[in-house]
Amino acid sequence: MTDGNYLRDSLNAIGTQDVQTCTLCGALIPRSWAESHNSFHQADYERFDPESQDASAETCKLCGILVNRMYEAMHNRVHQADYEPFGQGSEADSCKLCGIVINRAYQTVHLENHG
C-alpha cells in the first residue's frame, strides 16, 4: 500500500480484479458472483475500476458491505445507513455466502444479516 489507493490494494489482495457496482443497491461485487447477487434482485451492473484514483467505497455500518460512494442514495433505499470511509487500515473480504465485498472488520455484522 504505497500510493494511498487502499481500496485497490485490498481488492487485489483478495484476488478481486474484476469488480462491478450493483446499480440497485450500490454493492461492490466480483463479476463471478453477479449471478448469485441476481438471486436477491434482478440487477444491472457497471464496471468499478479500483485503479482509478477517483474510486472510493464506504462501509455500510448496518450490513458491512462496501458501497460505491456514488450509490449511497441507492443503498439507503435498502435501509437508512451510516457509513465510514474505507481507507488506511481497512481490509476487504469476499463473503463466501453472497460474494459481496465486505469490510473485514464488519464480517460479524454481515453474517448476522444472513440470518
PDB file of N, CA and C in Angstrom:
ATOM      1  N   MET A   1       0.839  -1.177   0.000  1.00  0.00           N
ATOM      2  CA  MET A   1       0.000   0.000   0.000  1.00  0.00           C
ATOM      3  C   MET A   1       0.886   1.242   0.000  1.00  0.00           C
ATOM      4  N   THR A   2       1.414   1.514  -1.135  1.00  0.00           N
ATOM      5  CA  THR A   2       2.388   2.589  -1.181  1.00  0.00           C
ATOM      6  C   THR A   2       1.848   3.892  -1.741  1.00  0.00           C
ATOM      7  N   ASP A   3       0.797   3.846  -2.539  1.00  0.00           N
ATOM      8  CA  ASP A   3       0.336   5.083  -3.175  1.00  0.00           C
ATOM      9  C   ASP A   3      -0.962   5.619  -2.605  1.00  0.00           C
ATOM     10  N   GLY A   4      -1.489   5.014  -1.562  1.00  0.00           N
ATOM     11  CA  GLY A   4      -2.690   5.537  -0.926  1.00  0.00           C
ATOM     12  C   GLY A   4      -3.991   5.034  -1.505  1.00  0.00           C
ATOM     13  N   ASN A   5      -3.976   4.143  -2.525  1.00  0.00           N
ATOM     14  CA  ASN A   5      -5.217   3.582  -3.054  1.00  0.00           C
ATOM     15  C   ASN A   5      -5.489   2.289  -2.278  1.00  0.00           C
ATOM     16  N   TYR A   6      -5.977   2.450  -1.054  1.00  0.00           N
ATOM     17  CA  TYR A   6      -6.161   1.318  -0.151  1.00  0.00           C
ATOM     18  C   TYR A   6      -7.233   0.363  -0.657  1.00  0.00           C
ATOM     19  N   LEU A   7      -8.255   0.891  -1.308  1.00  0.00           N
ATOM     20  CA  LEU A   7      -9.311   0.042  -1.846  1.00  0.00           C
ATOM     21  C   LEU A   7      -8.761  -0.886  -2.918  1.00  0.00           C
ATOM     22  N   ARG A   8      -8.035  -0.325  -3.873  1.00  0.00           N
ATOM     23  CA  ARG A   8      -7.443  -1.152  -4.929  1.00  0.00           C
ATOM     24  C   ARG A   8      -6.519  -2.204  -4.342  1.00  0.00           C
ATOM     25  N   ASP A   9      -5.672  -1.797  -3.422  1.00  0.00           N
ATOM     26  CA  ASP A   9      -4.724  -2.738  -2.825  1.00  0.00           C
ATOM     27  C   ASP A   9      -5.438  -3.858  -2.097  1.00  0.00           C
ATOM     28  N   SER A  10      -6.513  -3.520  -1.389  1.00  0.00           N
ATOM     29  CA  SER A  10      -7.260  -4.536  -0.648  1.00  0.00           C
ATOM     30  C   SER A  10      -7.978  -5.487  -1.603  1.00  0.00           C
ATOM     31  N   LEU A  11      -8.575  -4.958  -2.671  1.00  0.00           N
ATOM     32  CA  LEU A  11      -9.243  -5.820  -3.654  1.00  0.00           C
ATOM     33  C   LEU A  11      -8.243  -6.735  -4.345  1.00  0.00           C
ATOM     34  N   ASN A  12      -7.069  -6.212  -4.662  1.00  0.00           N
ATOM     35  CA  ASN A  12      -6.037  -7.050  -5.264  1.00  0.00           C
ATOM     36  C   ASN A  12      -5.589  -8.143  -4.311  1.00  0.00           C
ATOM     37  N   ALA A  13      -5.528  -7.838  -3.019  1.00  0.00           N
ATOM     38  CA  ALA A  13      -5.072  -8.817  -2.028  1.00  0.00           C
ATOM     39  C   ALA A  13      -6.032  -9.993  -1.914  1.00  0.00           C
ATOM     40  N   ILE A  14      -7.325  -9.766  -2.148  1.00  0.00           N
ATOM     41  CA  ILE A  14      -8.270 -10.886  -2.079  1.00  0.00           C
ATOM     42  C   ILE A  14      -8.541 -11.482  -3.454  1.00  0.00           C
ATOM     43  N   GLY A  15      -7.802 -11.026  -4.457  1.00  0.00           N
ATOM     44  CA  GLY A  15      -7.905 -11.612  -5.785  1.00  0.00           C
ATOM     45  C   GLY A  15      -9.120 -11.167  -6.567  1.00  0.00           C
ATOM     46  N   THR A  16      -9.639  -9.985  -6.276  1.00  0.00           N
ATOM     47  CA  THR A  16     -10.817  -9.478  -6.970  1.00  0.00           C
ATOM     48  C   THR A  16     -10.374  -8.417  -7.968  1.00  0.00           C
ATOM     49  N   GLN A  17     -10.116  -8.842  -9.180  1.00  0.00           N
ATOM     50  CA  GLN A  17      -9.665  -7.913 -10.211  1.00  0.00           C
ATOM     51  C   GLN A  17     -10.829  -7.253 -10.931  1.00  0.00           C
ATOM     52  N   ASP A  18     -11.878  -8.009 -11.182  1.00  0.00           N
ATOM     53  CA  ASP A  18     -12.992  -7.519 -11.981  1.00  0.00           C
ATOM     54  C   ASP A  18     -14.192  -7.276 -11.075  1.00  0.00           C
ATOM     55  N   VAL A  19     -14.371  -6.027 -10.672  1.00  0.00           N
ATOM     56  CA  VAL A  19     -15.405  -5.661  -9.714  1.00  0.00           C
ATOM     57  C   VAL A  19     -16.461  -4.827 -10.408  1.00  0.00           C
ATOM     58  N   GLN A  20     -17.709  -5.060 -10.023  1.00  0.00           N
ATOM     59  CA  GLN A  20     -18.826  -4.311 -10.574  1.00  0.00           C
ATOM     60  C   GLN A  20     -19.594  -3.643  -9.445  1.00  0.00           C
ATOM     61  N   THR A  21     -20.314  -2.585  -9.794  1.00  0.00           N
ATOM     62  CA  THR A  21     -21.227  -1.946  -8.860  1.00  0.00           C
ATOM     63  C   THR A  21     -22.638  -2.353  -9.233  1.00  0.00           C
ATOM     64  N   CYS A  22     -23.401  -2.846  -8.265  1.00  0.00           N
ATOM     65  CA  CYS A  22     -24.815  -3.107  -8.488  1.00  0.00           C
ATOM     66  C   CYS A  22     -25.518  -1.759  -8.505  1.00  0.00           C
ATOM     67  N   THR A  23     -26.184  -1.450  -9.595  1.00  0.00           N
ATOM     68  CA  THR A  23     -26.821  -0.137  -9.703  1.00  0.00           C
ATOM     69  C   THR A  23     -28.117  -0.056  -8.904  1.00  0.00           C
ATOM     70  N   LEU A  24     -28.571  -1.172  -8.330  1.00  0.00           N
ATOM     71  CA  LEU A  24     -29.773  -1.144  -7.497  1.00  0.00           C
ATOM     72  C   LEU A  24     -29.458  -0.915  -6.022  1.00  0.00           C
ATOM     73  N   CYS A  25     -28.366  -1.479  -5.532  1.00  0.00           N
ATOM     74  CA  CYS A  25     -28.056  -1.331  -4.106  1.00  0.00           C
ATOM     75  C   CYS A  25     -26.678  -0.751  -3.843  1.00  0.00           C
ATOM     76  N   GLY A  26     -25.873  -0.555  -4.893  1.00  0.00           N
ATOM     77  CA  GLY A  26     -24.571   0.072  -4.726  1.00  0.00           C
ATOM     78  C   GLY A  26     -23.455  -0.828  -4.258  1.00  0.00           C
ATOM     79  N   ALA A  27     -23.740  -2.116  -4.052  1.00  0.00           N
ATOM     80  CA  ALA A  27     -22.731  -3.038  -3.546  1.00  0.00           C
ATOM     81  C   ALA A  27     -21.624  -3.275  -4.564  1.00  0.00           C
ATOM     82  N   LEU A  28     -20.413  -3.470  -4.057  1.00  0.00           N
ATOM     83  CA  LEU A  28     -19.298  -3.885  -4.898  1.00  0.00           C
ATOM     84  C   LEU A  28     -19.294  -5.404  -4.951  1.00  0.00           C
ATOM     85  N   ILE A  29     -19.325  -5.929  -6.165  1.00  0.00           N
ATOM     86  CA  ILE A  29     -19.479  -7.370  -6.358  1.00  0.00           C
ATOM     87  C   ILE A  29     -18.468  -7.859  -7.393  1.00  0.00           C
ATOM     88  N   PRO A  30     -17.702  -8.903  -7.066  1.00  0.00           N
ATOM     89  CA  PRO A  30     -16.875  -9.519  -8.097  1.00  0.00           C
ATOM     90  C   PRO A  30     -17.773 -10.063  -9.214  1.00  0.00           C
ATOM     91  N   ARG A  31     -17.363  -9.907 -10.436  1.00  0.00           N
ATOM     92  CA  ARG A  31     -18.180 -10.330 -11.570  1.00  0.00           C
ATOM     93  C   ARG A  31     -18.611 -11.792 -11.456  1.00  0.00           C
ATOM     94  N   SER A  32     -17.746 -12.623 -10.907  1.00  0.00           N
ATOM     95  CA  SER A  32     -18.064 -14.052 -10.795  1.00  0.00           C
ATOM     96  C   SER A  32     -19.251 -14.312  -9.867  1.00  0.00           C
ATOM     97  N   TRP A  33     -19.623 -13.338  -9.036  1.00  0.00           N
ATOM     98  CA  TRP A  33     -20.737 -13.503  -8.102  1.00  0.00           C
ATOM     99  C   TRP A  33     -21.997 -12.776  -8.563  1.00  0.00           C
ATOM    100  N   ALA A  34     -21.998 -12.197  -9.747  1.00  0.00           N
ATOM    101  CA  ALA A  34     -23.151 -11.426 -10.209  1.00  0.00           C
ATOM    102  C   ALA A  34     -24.414 -12.277 -10.278  1.00  0.00           C
ATOM    103  N   GLU A  35     -24.294 -13.504 -10.725  1.00  0.00           N
ATOM    104  CA  GLU A  35     -25.471 -14.368 -10.826  1.00  0.00           C
ATOM    105  C   GLU A  35     -26.067 -14.643  -9.441  1.00  0.00           C
ATOM    106  N   SER A  36     -25.211 -14.876  -8.450  1.00  0.00           N
ATOM    107  CA  SER A  36     -25.700 -15.078  -7.088  1.00  0.00           C
ATOM    108  C   SER A  36     -26.386 -13.822  -6.573  1.00  0.00           C
ATOM    109  N   HIS A  37     -25.806 -12.669  -6.864  1.00  0.00           N
ATOM    110  CA  HIS A  37     -26.416 -11.414  -6.420  1.00  0.00           C
ATOM    111  C   HIS A  37     -27.778 -11.207  -7.075  1.00  0.00           C
ATOM    112  N   ASN A  38     -27.921 -11.668  -8.307  1.00  0.00           N
ATOM    113  CA  ASN A  38     -29.198 -11.543  -9.009  1.00  0.00           C
ATOM    114  C   ASN A  38     -30.308 -12.352  -8.350  1.00  0.00           C
ATOM    115  N   SER A  39     -29.945 -13.330  -7.520  1.00  0.00           N
ATOM    116  CA  SER A  39     -30.990 -14.078  -6.821  1.00  0.00           C
ATOM    117  C   SER A  39     -31.681 -13.216  -5.768  1.00  0.00           C
ATOM    118  N   PHE A  40     -31.020 -12.138  -5.331  1.00  0.00           N
ATOM    119  CA  PHE A  40     -31.632 -11.195  -4.400  1.00  0.00           C
ATOM    120  C   PHE A  40     -32.516 -10.193  -5.143  1.00  0.00           C
ATOM    121  N   HIS A  41     -32.060  -9.730  -6.282  1.00  0.00           N
ATOM    122  CA  HIS A  41     -32.843  -8.842  -7.141  1.00  0.00           C
ATOM    123  C   HIS A  41     -32.216  -8.813  -8.527  1.00  0.00           C
ATOM    124  N   GLN A  42     -33.031  -8.641  -9.542  1.00  0.00           N
ATOM    125  CA  GLN A  42     -32.503  -8.563 -10.908  1.00  0.00           C
ATOM    126  C   GLN A  42     -31.781  -7.237 -11.054  1.00  0.00           C
ATOM    127  N   ALA A  43     -30.486  -7.293 -11.100  1.00  0.00           N
ATOM    128  CA  ALA A  43     -29.664  -6.091 -11.035  1.00  0.00           C
ATOM    129  C   ALA A  43     -29.029  -5.768 -12.374  1.00  0.00           C
ATOM    130  N   ASP A  44     -28.740  -4.509 -12.522  1.00  0.00           N
ATOM    131  CA  ASP A  44     -27.865  -4.035 -13.586  1.00  0.00           C
ATOM    132  C   ASP A  44     -26.535  -3.690 -12.929  1.00  0.00           C
ATOM    133  N   TYR A  45     -25.483  -3.753 -13.699  1.00  0.00           N
ATOM    134  CA  TYR A  45     -24.156  -3.517 -13.148  1.00  0.00           C
ATOM    135  C   TYR A  45     -23.388  -2.550 -14.021  1.00  0.00           C
ATOM    136  N   GLU A  46     -22.457  -1.872 -13.390  1.00  0.00           N
ATOM    137  CA  GLU A  46     -21.487  -1.093 -14.140  1.00  0.00           C
ATOM    138  C   GLU A  46     -20.111  -1.405 -13.569  1.00  0.00           C
ATOM    139  N   ARG A  47     -19.131  -1.334 -14.425  1.00  0.00           N
ATOM    140  CA  ARG A  47     -17.780  -1.679 -14.006  1.00  0.00           C
ATOM    141  C   ARG A  47     -17.279  -0.690 -12.966  1.00  0.00           C
ATOM    142  N   PHE A  48     -16.620  -1.212 -11.955  1.00  0.00           N
ATOM    143  CA  PHE A  48     -15.980  -0.401 -10.931  1.00  0.00           C
ATOM    144  C   PHE A  48     -14.486  -0.539 -11.124  1.00  0.00           C
ATOM    145  N   ASP A  49     -13.806   0.545 -11.365  1.00  0.00           N
ATOM    146  CA  ASP A  49     -12.381   0.496 -11.662  1.00  0.00           C
ATOM    147  C   ASP A  49     -11.562   0.877 -10.435  1.00  0.00           C
ATOM    148  N   PRO A  50     -11.066  -0.109  -9.694  1.00  0.00           N
ATOM    149  CA  PRO A  50     -10.292   0.206  -8.495  1.00  0.00           C
ATOM    150  C   PRO A  50      -8.948   0.860  -8.803  1.00  0.00           C
ATOM    151  N   GLU A  51      -8.540   0.856 -10.061  1.00  0.00           N
ATOM    152  CA  GLU A  51      -7.290   1.509 -10.454  1.00  0.00           C
ATOM    153  C   GLU A  51      -7.441   3.021 -10.504  1.00  0.00           C
ATOM    154  N   SER A  52      -8.666   3.495 -10.642  1.00  0.00           N
ATOM    155  CA  SER A  52      -8.917   4.927 -10.737  1.00  0.00           C
ATOM    156  C   SER A  52      -8.670   5.597  -9.392  1.00  0.00           C
ATOM    157  N   GLN A  53      -8.030   6.724  -9.412  1.00  0.00           N
ATOM    158  CA  GLN A  53      -7.811   7.470  -8.170  1.00  0.00           C
ATOM    159  C   GLN A  53      -9.129   8.007  -7.619  1.00  0.00           C
ATOM    160  N   ASP A  54     -10.160   8.089  -8.471  1.00  0.00           N
ATOM    161  CA  ASP A  54     -11.473   8.566  -8.029  1.00  0.00           C
ATOM    162  C   ASP A  54     -12.310   7.463  -7.393  1.00  0.00           C
ATOM    163  N   ALA A  55     -11.873   6.224  -7.528  1.00  0.00           N
ATOM    164  CA  ALA A  55     -12.651   5.101  -6.998  1.00  0.00           C
ATOM    165  C   ALA A  55     -12.594   5.118  -5.478  1.00  0.00           C
ATOM    166  N   SER A  56     -13.759   5.114  -4.872  1.00  0.00           N
ATOM    167  CA  SER A  56     -13.795   5.050  -3.420  1.00  0.00           C
ATOM    168  C   SER A  56     -15.039   4.304  -2.980  1.00  0.00           C
ATOM    169  N   ALA A  57     -14.961   3.753  -1.813  1.00  0.00           N
ATOM    170  CA  ALA A  57     -16.079   2.996  -1.269  1.00  0.00           C
ATOM    171  C   ALA A  57     -16.270   3.386   0.183  1.00  0.00           C
ATOM    172  N   GLU A  58     -17.478   3.206   0.639  1.00  0.00           N
ATOM    173  CA  GLU A  58     -17.831   3.424   2.033  1.00  0.00           C
ATOM    174  C   GLU A  58     -18.264   2.083   2.605  1.00  0.00           C
ATOM    175  N   THR A  59     -18.062   1.897   3.889  1.00  0.00           N
ATOM    176  CA  THR A  59     -18.573   0.713   4.571  1.00  0.00           C
ATOM    177  C   THR A  59     -19.931   1.049   5.165  1.00  0.00           C
ATOM    178  N   CYS A  60     -20.946   0.265   4.816  1.00  0.00           N
ATOM    179  CA  CYS A  60     -22.250   0.417   5.446  1.00  0.00           C
ATOM    180  C   CYS A  60     -22.150  -0.199   6.836  1.00  0.00           C
ATOM    181  N   LYS A  61     -22.403   0.597   7.861  1.00  0.00           N
ATOM    182  CA  LYS A  61     -22.263   0.104   9.231  1.00  0.00           C
ATOM    183  C   LYS A  61     -23.384  -0.852   9.628  1.00  0.00           C
ATOM    184  N   LEU A  62     -24.458  -0.914   8.836  1.00  0.00           N
ATOM    185  CA  LEU A  62     -25.556  -1.815   9.160  1.00  0.00           C
ATOM    186  C   LEU A  62     -25.375  -3.209   8.588  1.00  0.00           C
ATOM    187  N   CYS A  63     -24.762  -3.300   7.392  1.00  0.00           N
ATOM    188  CA  CYS A  63     -24.608  -4.626   6.776  1.00  0.00           C
ATOM    189  C   CYS A  63     -23.158  -4.975   6.456  1.00  0.00           C
ATOM    190  N   GLY A  64     -22.241  -4.025   6.622  1.00  0.00           N
ATOM    191  CA  GLY A  64     -20.825  -4.307   6.470  1.00  0.00           C
ATOM    192  C   GLY A  64     -20.303  -4.364   5.054  1.00  0.00           C
ATOM    193  N   ILE A  65     -21.185  -4.150   4.052  1.00  0.00           N
ATOM    194  CA  ILE A  65     -20.718  -4.270   2.676  1.00  0.00           C
ATOM    195  C   ILE A  65     -20.041  -2.990   2.227  1.00  0.00           C
ATOM    196  N   LEU A  66     -19.202  -3.124   1.210  1.00  0.00           N
ATOM    197  CA  LEU A  66     -18.592  -1.957   0.605  1.00  0.00           C
ATOM    198  C   LEU A  66     -19.542  -1.422  -0.458  1.00  0.00           C
ATOM    199  N   VAL A  67     -19.858  -0.152  -0.338  1.00  0.00           N
ATOM    200  CA  VAL A  67     -20.793   0.511  -1.234  1.00  0.00           C
ATOM    201  C   VAL A  67     -20.029   1.530  -2.056  1.00  0.00           C
ATOM    202  N   ASN A  68     -20.224   1.490  -3.368  1.00  0.00           N
ATOM    203  CA  ASN A  68     -19.674   2.522  -4.232  1.00  0.00           C
ATOM    204  C   ASN A  68     -20.224   3.857  -3.735  1.00  0.00           C
ATOM    205  N   ARG A  69     -19.335   4.753  -3.370  1.00  0.00           N
ATOM    206  CA  ARG A  69     -19.739   6.028  -2.771  1.00  0.00           C
ATOM    207  C   ARG A  69     -20.776   6.771  -3.607  1.00  0.00           C
ATOM    208  N   MET A  70     -20.715   6.602  -4.920  1.00  0.00           N
ATOM    209  CA  MET A  70     -21.650   7.285  -5.815  1.00  0.00           C
ATOM    210  C   MET A  70     -23.075   6.719  -5.686  1.00  0.00           C
ATOM    211  N   TYR A  71     -23.215   5.554  -5.034  1.00  0.00           N
ATOM    212  CA  TYR A  71     -24.514   4.887  -4.949  1.00  0.00           C
ATOM    213  C   TYR A  71     -25.052   4.820  -3.522  1.00  0.00           C
ATOM    214  N   GLU A  72     -24.601   5.688  -2.645  1.00  0.00           N
ATOM    215  CA  GLU A  72     -25.098   5.671  -1.270  1.00  0.00           C
ATOM    216  C   GLU A  72     -26.605   5.888  -1.215  1.00  0.00           C
ATOM    217  N   ALA A  73     -27.118   6.787  -2.047  1.00  0.00           N
ATOM    218  CA  ALA A  73     -28.569   7.047  -2.049  1.00  0.00           C
ATOM    219  C   ALA A  73     -29.338   5.782  -2.431  1.00  0.00           C
ATOM    220  N   MET A  74     -28.818   5.013  -3.374  1.00  0.00           N
ATOM    221  CA  MET A  74     -29.471   3.764  -3.762  1.00  0.00           C
ATOM    222  C   MET A  74     -29.421   2.764  -2.606  1.00  0.00           C
ATOM    223  N   HIS A  75     -28.282   2.696  -1.936  1.00  0.00           N
ATOM    224  CA  HIS A  75     -28.163   1.758  -0.824  1.00  0.00           C
ATOM    225  C   HIS A  75     -29.101   2.155   0.319  1.00  0.00           C
ATOM    226  N   ASN A  76     -29.302   3.437   0.506  1.00  0.00           N
ATOM    227  CA  ASN A  76     -30.188   3.903   1.570  1.00  0.00           C
ATOM    228  C   ASN A  76     -31.642   3.503   1.330  1.00  0.00           C
ATOM    229  N   ARG A  77     -31.990   3.131   0.105  1.00  0.00           N
ATOM    230  CA  ARG A  77     -33.333   2.611  -0.146  1.00  0.00           C
ATOM    231  C   ARG A  77     -33.514   1.236   0.483  1.00  0.00           C
ATOM    232  N   VAL A  78     -32.410   0.515   0.661  1.00  0.00           N
ATOM    233  CA  VAL A  78     -32.453  -0.799   1.306  1.00  0.00           C
ATOM    234  C   VAL A  78     -32.648  -0.613   2.811  1.00  0.00           C
ATOM    235  N   HIS A  79     -31.879   0.279   3.385  1.00  0.00           N
ATOM    236  CA  HIS A  79     -32.018   0.658   4.793  1.00  0.00           C
ATOM    237  C   HIS A  79     -31.292   1.978   5.012  1.00  0.00           C
ATOM    238  N   GLN A  80     -31.762   2.772   5.966  1.00  0.00           N
ATOM    239  CA  GLN A  80     -31.088   4.034   6.273  1.00  0.00           C
ATOM    240  C   GLN A  80     -29.771   3.710   6.961  1.00  0.00           C
ATOM    241  N   ALA A  81     -28.697   3.976   6.282  1.00  0.00           N
ATOM    242  CA  ALA A  81     -27.396   3.514   6.747  1.00  0.00           C
ATOM    243  C   ALA A  81     -26.511   4.663   7.196  1.00  0.00           C
ATOM    244  N   ASP A  82     -25.591   4.330   8.072  1.00  0.00           N
ATOM    245  CA  ASP A  82     -24.463   5.189   8.382  1.00  0.00           C
ATOM    246  C   ASP A  82     -23.273   4.588   7.660  1.00  0.00           C
ATOM    247  N   TYR A  83     -22.318   5.428   7.306  1.00  0.00           N
ATOM    248  CA  TYR A  83     -21.169   4.959   6.544  1.00  0.00           C
ATOM    249  C   TYR A  83     -19.876   5.430   7.185  1.00  0.00           C
ATOM    250  N   GLU A  84     -18.835   4.687   6.909  1.00  0.00           N
ATOM    251  CA  GLU A  84     -17.498   5.143   7.270  1.00  0.00           C
ATOM    252  C   GLU A  84     -16.596   4.922   6.066  1.00  0.00           C
ATOM    253  N   PRO A  85     -15.619   5.780   5.879  1.00  0.00           N
ATOM    254  CA  PRO A  85     -14.725   5.643   4.726  1.00  0.00           C
ATOM    255  C   PRO A  85     -13.926   4.343   4.797  1.00  0.00           C
ATOM    256  N   PHE A  86     -13.681   3.763   3.649  1.00  0.00           N
ATOM    257  CA  PHE A  86     -12.804   2.608   3.550  1.00  0.00           C
ATOM    258  C   PHE A  86     -11.442   3.166   3.173  1.00  0.00           C
ATOM    259  N   GLY A  87     -10.522   3.146   4.114  1.00  0.00           N
ATOM    260  CA  GLY A  87      -9.228   3.770   3.862  1.00  0.00           C
ATOM    261  C   GLY A  87      -8.121   3.060   4.582  1.00  0.00           C
ATOM    262  N   GLN A  88      -7.137   3.818   5.003  1.00  0.00           N
ATOM    263  CA  GLN A  88      -5.952   3.262   5.632  1.00  0.00           C
ATOM    264  C   GLN A  88      -6.338   2.364   6.798  1.00  0.00           C
ATOM    265  N   GLY A  89      -5.771   1.172   6.814  1.00  0.00           N
ATOM    266  CA  GLY A  89      -6.041   0.205   7.868  1.00  0.00           C
ATOM    267  C   GLY A  89      -7.252  -0.672   7.612  1.00  0.00           C
ATOM    268  N   SER A  90      -8.017  -0.391   6.549  1.00  0.00           N
ATOM    269  CA  SER A  90      -9.191  -1.198   6.216  1.00  0.00           C
ATOM    270  C   SER A  90      -8.777  -2.382   5.356  1.00  0.00           C
ATOM    271  N   GLU A  91      -9.504  -3.491   5.521  1.00  0.00           N
ATOM    272  CA  GLU A  91      -9.263  -4.672   4.700  1.00  0.00           C
ATOM    273  C   GLU A  91     -10.588  -5.196   4.186  1.00  0.00           C
ATOM    274  N   ALA A  92     -10.589  -5.654   2.948  1.00  0.00           N
ATOM    275  CA  ALA A  92     -11.795  -6.202   2.340  1.00  0.00           C
ATOM    276  C   ALA A  92     -11.731  -7.718   2.339  1.00  0.00           C
ATOM    277  N   ASP A  93     -12.902  -8.317   2.245  1.00  0.00           N
ATOM    278  CA  ASP A  93     -13.014  -9.758   2.115  1.00  0.00           C
ATOM    279  C   ASP A  93     -14.229 -10.031   1.250  1.00  0.00           C
ATOM    280  N   SER A  94     -14.290 -11.184   0.650  1.00  0.00           N
ATOM    281  CA  SER A  94     -15.445 -11.570  -0.152  1.00  0.00           C
ATOM    282  C   SER A  94     -16.285 -12.536   0.676  1.00  0.00           C
ATOM    283  N   CYS A  95     -17.567 -12.215   0.857  1.00  0.00           N
ATOM    284  CA  CYS A  95     -18.452 -13.089   1.625  1.00  0.00           C
ATOM    285  C   CYS A  95     -18.640 -14.394   0.851  1.00  0.00           C
ATOM    286  N   LYS A  96     -18.382 -15.505   1.516  1.00  0.00           N
ATOM    287  CA  LYS A  96     -18.488 -16.806   0.853  1.00  0.00           C
ATOM    288  C   LYS A  96     -19.940 -17.238   0.640  1.00  0.00           C
ATOM    289  N   LEU A  97     -20.890 -16.539   1.266  1.00  0.00           N
ATOM    290  CA  LEU A  97     -22.302 -16.870   1.079  1.00  0.00           C
ATOM    291  C   LEU A  97     -22.941 -16.096  -0.068  1.00  0.00           C
ATOM    292  N   CYS A  98     -22.594 -14.815  -0.194  1.00  0.00           N
ATOM    293  CA  CYS A  98     -23.252 -13.997  -1.220  1.00  0.00           C
ATOM    294  C   CYS A  98     -22.284 -13.365  -2.204  1.00  0.00           C
ATOM    295  N   GLY A  99     -20.982 -13.423  -1.917  1.00  0.00           N
ATOM    296  CA  GLY A  99     -19.987 -12.902  -2.834  1.00  0.00           C
ATOM    297  C   GLY A  99     -19.745 -11.418  -2.754  1.00  0.00           C
ATOM    298  N   ILE A 100     -20.562 -10.692  -2.017  1.00  0.00           N
ATOM    299  CA  ILE A 100     -20.403  -9.246  -1.930  1.00  0.00           C
ATOM    300  C   ILE A 100     -19.116  -8.927  -1.184  1.00  0.00           C
ATOM    301  N   VAL A 101     -18.428  -7.884  -1.606  1.00  0.00           N
ATOM    302  CA  VAL A 101     -17.205  -7.468  -0.943  1.00  0.00           C
ATOM    303  C   VAL A 101     -17.577  -6.733   0.341  1.00  0.00           C
ATOM    304  N   ILE A 102     -17.011  -7.180   1.450  1.00  0.00           N
ATOM    305  CA  ILE A 102     -17.323  -6.599   2.754  1.00  0.00           C
ATOM    306  C   ILE A 102     -16.054  -6.074   3.424  1.00  0.00           C
ATOM    307  N   ASN A 103     -16.254  -5.187   4.357  1.00  0.00           N
ATOM    308  CA  ASN A 103     -15.173  -4.719   5.208  1.00  0.00           C
ATOM    309  C   ASN A 103     -14.937  -5.815   6.245  1.00  0.00           C
ATOM    310  N   ARG A 104     -13.740  -6.335   6.295  1.00  0.00           N
ATOM    311  CA  ARG A 104     -13.427  -7.459   7.188  1.00  0.00           C
ATOM    312  C   ARG A 104     -13.783  -7.146   8.639  1.00  0.00           C
ATOM    313  N   ALA A 105     -13.662  -5.900   9.061  1.00  0.00           N
ATOM    314  CA  ALA A 105     -13.992  -5.520  10.437  1.00  0.00           C
ATOM    315  C   ALA A 105     -15.484  -5.678  10.721  1.00  0.00           C
ATOM    316  N   TYR A 106     -16.309  -5.758   9.663  1.00  0.00           N
ATOM    317  CA  TYR A 106     -17.758  -5.879   9.815  1.00  0.00           C
ATOM    318  C   TYR A 106     -18.268  -7.266   9.436  1.00  0.00           C
ATOM    319  N   GLN A 107     -17.392  -8.241   9.406  1.00  0.00           N
ATOM    320  CA  GLN A 107     -17.764  -9.595   8.998  1.00  0.00           C
ATOM    321  C   GLN A 107     -18.877 -10.163   9.880  1.00  0.00           C
ATOM    322  N   THR A 108     -18.787  -9.965  11.195  1.00  0.00           N
ATOM    323  CA  THR A 108     -19.808 -10.479  12.109  1.00  0.00           C
ATOM    324  C   THR A 108     -21.159  -9.833  11.821  1.00  0.00           C
ATOM    325  N   VAL A 109     -21.169  -8.523  11.616  1.00  0.00           N
ATOM    326  CA  VAL A 109     -22.413  -7.798  11.300  1.00  0.00           C
ATOM    327  C   VAL A 109     -23.014  -8.324  10.009  1.00  0.00           C
ATOM    328  N   HIS A 110     -22.166  -8.534   9.022  1.00  0.00           N
ATOM    329  CA  HIS A 110     -22.655  -9.022   7.728  1.00  0.00           C
ATOM    330  C   HIS A 110     -23.278 -10.405   7.862  1.00  0.00           C
ATOM    331  N   LEU A 111     -22.612 -11.294   8.583  1.00  0.00           N
ATOM    332  CA  LEU A 111     -23.128 -12.652   8.743  1.00  0.00           C
ATOM    333  C   LEU A 111     -24.447 -12.666   9.512  1.00  0.00           C
ATOM    334  N   GLU A 112     -24.626 -11.763  10.455  1.00  0.00           N
ATOM    335  CA  GLU A 112     -25.892 -11.658  11.180  1.00  0.00           C
ATOM    336  C   GLU A 112     -27.035 -11.316  10.231  1.00  0.00           C
ATOM    337  N   ASN A 113     -26.728 -10.534   9.200  1.00  0.00           N
ATOM    338  CA  ASN A 113     -27.754 -10.162   8.225  1.00  0.00           C
ATOM    339  C   ASN A 113     -28.173 -11.331   7.337  1.00  0.00           C
ATOM    340  N   HIS A 114     -27.336 -12.364   7.264  1.00  0.00           N
ATOM    341  CA  HIS A 114     -27.711 -13.557   6.502  1.00  0.00           C
ATOM    342  C   HIS A 114     -28.705 -14.425   7.268  1.00  0.00           C
ATOM    343  N   GLY A 115     -28.814 -14.191   8.571  1.00  0.00           N
ATOM    344  CA  GLY A 115     -29.756 -14.947   9.393  1.00  0.00           C
ATOM    345  C   GLY A 115     -29.126 -16.121   9.940  1.00  0.00           C
TER     346      GLY A 115
END
